[in-house]
Amino acid sequence: MKLVKLGAFAAALVMSSVVMAAGGGDRTFARMMAAKDRSVELFVAKEQARDTVVINEKKDDKTKDL
C-alpha cells in the first residue's frame, strides 16, 4: 500500500509540472496585456473627442461670489 501511495504522489507531482508548463500562462498574459492596451487606446480617443471646458477666471460686476 505504501508503494501505491508513493507512486500516486510521484505521478501527481509529474503531472502537475507538465500541466503547469503547458498551461499557456504566457499566452493568457499576452492577451490580457493586449486587451488592456486596446482599452486604454479607446479611452484616450474618447477623452480627446470630448469638448473641452473653458473656465473664465475673470470676474466682473455681474458675477456673484458663491
C-alpha atoms as a PDB file:
ATOM      1  CA  MET A   1       0.000   0.000   0.000  1.00  0.00           C
ATOM      2  CA  LYS A   2       2.883   2.314   0.773  1.00  0.00           C
ATOM      3  CA  LEU A   3       4.317   1.763  -2.683  1.00  0.00           C
ATOM      4  CA  VAL A   4       0.978   2.623  -4.311  1.00  0.00           C
ATOM      5  CA  LYS A   5       0.737   5.881  -2.331  1.00  0.00           C
ATOM      6  CA  LEU A   6       4.308   6.781  -3.235  1.00  0.00           C
ATOM      7  CA  GLY A   7       3.643   6.029  -6.909  1.00  0.00           C
ATOM      8  CA  ALA A   8       0.431   8.111  -6.880  1.00  0.00           C
ATOM      9  CA  PHE A   9       2.281  11.001  -5.245  1.00  0.00           C
ATOM     10  CA  ALA A  10       5.081  10.829  -7.816  1.00  0.00           C
ATOM     11  CA  ALA A  11       2.570  10.677 -10.686  1.00  0.00           C
ATOM     12  CA  ALA A  12       0.669  13.679  -9.305  1.00  0.00           C
ATOM     13  CA  LEU A  13       3.904  15.627  -8.941  1.00  0.00           C
ATOM     14  CA  VAL A  14       4.992  14.862 -12.507  1.00  0.00           C
ATOM     15  CA  MET A  15       1.542  15.612 -13.942  1.00  0.00           C
ATOM     16  CA  SER A  16       1.310  18.953 -12.148  1.00  0.00           C
ATOM     17  CA  SER A  17       4.657  20.119 -13.506  1.00  0.00           C
ATOM     18  CA  VAL A  18       3.701  19.055 -17.052  1.00  0.00           C
ATOM     19  CA  VAL A  19       0.312  20.762 -16.840  1.00  0.00           C
ATOM     20  CA  MET A  20       1.769  23.978 -15.437  1.00  0.00           C
ATOM     21  CA  ALA A  21       4.452  24.104 -18.138  1.00  0.00           C
ATOM     22  CA  ALA A  22       1.962  23.705 -20.987  1.00  0.00           C
ATOM     23  CA  GLY A  23      -0.821  25.721 -19.386  1.00  0.00           C
ATOM     24  CA  GLY A  24      -0.376  28.725 -21.630  1.00  0.00           C
ATOM     25  CA  GLY A  25       0.074  31.294 -18.889  1.00  0.00           C
ATOM     26  CA  ASP A  26       2.300  33.440 -21.086  1.00  0.00           C
ATOM     27  CA  ARG A  27      -0.244  33.473 -23.887  1.00  0.00           C
ATOM     28  CA  THR A  28      -3.005  34.393 -21.463  1.00  0.00           C
ATOM     29  CA  PHE A  29      -0.908  37.209 -20.015  1.00  0.00           C
ATOM     30  CA  ALA A  30      -0.068  38.485 -23.502  1.00  0.00           C
ATOM     31  CA  ARG A  31      -3.756  38.512 -24.489  1.00  0.00           C
ATOM     32  CA  MET A  32      -4.621  40.308 -21.262  1.00  0.00           C
ATOM     33  CA  MET A  33      -1.991  42.999 -21.874  1.00  0.00           C
ATOM     34  CA  ALA A  34      -3.128  43.432 -25.494  1.00  0.00           C
ATOM     35  CA  ALA A  35      -6.729  43.880 -24.331  1.00  0.00           C
ATOM     36  CA  LYS A  36      -5.593  46.418 -21.717  1.00  0.00           C
ATOM     37  CA  ASP A  37      -3.611  48.385 -24.302  1.00  0.00           C
ATOM     38  CA  ARG A  38      -6.600  48.425 -26.664  1.00  0.00           C
ATOM     39  CA  SER A  39      -8.956  49.616 -23.924  1.00  0.00           C
ATOM     40  CA  VAL A  40      -6.535  52.390 -22.949  1.00  0.00           C
ATOM     41  CA  GLU A  41      -6.326  53.496 -26.600  1.00  0.00           C
ATOM     42  CA  LEU A  42     -10.122  53.611 -26.832  1.00  0.00           C
ATOM     43  CA  PHE A  43     -10.365  55.550 -23.576  1.00  0.00           C
ATOM     44  CA  VAL A  44      -7.794  58.133 -24.695  1.00  0.00           C
ATOM     45  CA  ALA A  45      -9.542  58.543 -28.054  1.00  0.00           C
ATOM     46  CA  LYS A  46     -12.874  59.039 -26.305  1.00  0.00           C
ATOM     47  CA  GLU A  47     -11.413  61.595 -23.906  1.00  0.00           C
ATOM     48  CA  GLN A  48      -9.777  63.543 -26.735  1.00  0.00           C
ATOM     49  CA  ALA A  49     -13.070  63.638 -28.647  1.00  0.00           C
ATOM     50  CA  ARG A  50     -14.864  65.324 -25.761  1.00  0.00           C
ATOM     51  CA  ASP A  51     -15.450  69.052 -25.841  1.00  0.00           C
ATOM     52  CA  THR A  52     -13.030  70.975 -23.712  1.00  0.00           C
ATOM     53  CA  VAL A  53     -14.420  73.006 -20.842  1.00  0.00           C
ATOM     54  CA  VAL A  54     -13.206  76.583 -20.664  1.00  0.00           C
ATOM     55  CA  ILE A  55     -13.318  78.262 -17.298  1.00  0.00           C
ATOM     56  CA  ASN A  56     -13.146  82.010 -17.240  1.00  0.00           C
ATOM     57  CA  GLU A  57     -11.421  83.147 -14.076  1.00  0.00           C
ATOM     58  CA  LYS A  58     -12.218  86.818 -14.634  1.00  0.00           C
ATOM     59  CA  LYS A  59     -14.999  88.257 -12.550  1.00  0.00           C
ATOM     60  CA  ASP A  60     -16.963  91.304 -13.422  1.00  0.00           C
ATOM     61  CA  ASP A  61     -19.672  93.298 -11.688  1.00  0.00           C
ATOM     62  CA  LYS A  62     -22.419  90.925 -12.755  1.00  0.00           C
ATOM     63  CA  THR A  63     -20.700  87.820 -11.392  1.00  0.00           C
ATOM     64  CA  LYS A  64     -21.635  86.915  -7.844  1.00  0.00           C
ATOM     65  CA  ASP A  65     -19.447  85.006  -5.445  1.00  0.00           C
ATOM     66  CA  LEU A  66     -20.913  81.680  -4.435  1.00  0.00           C
END
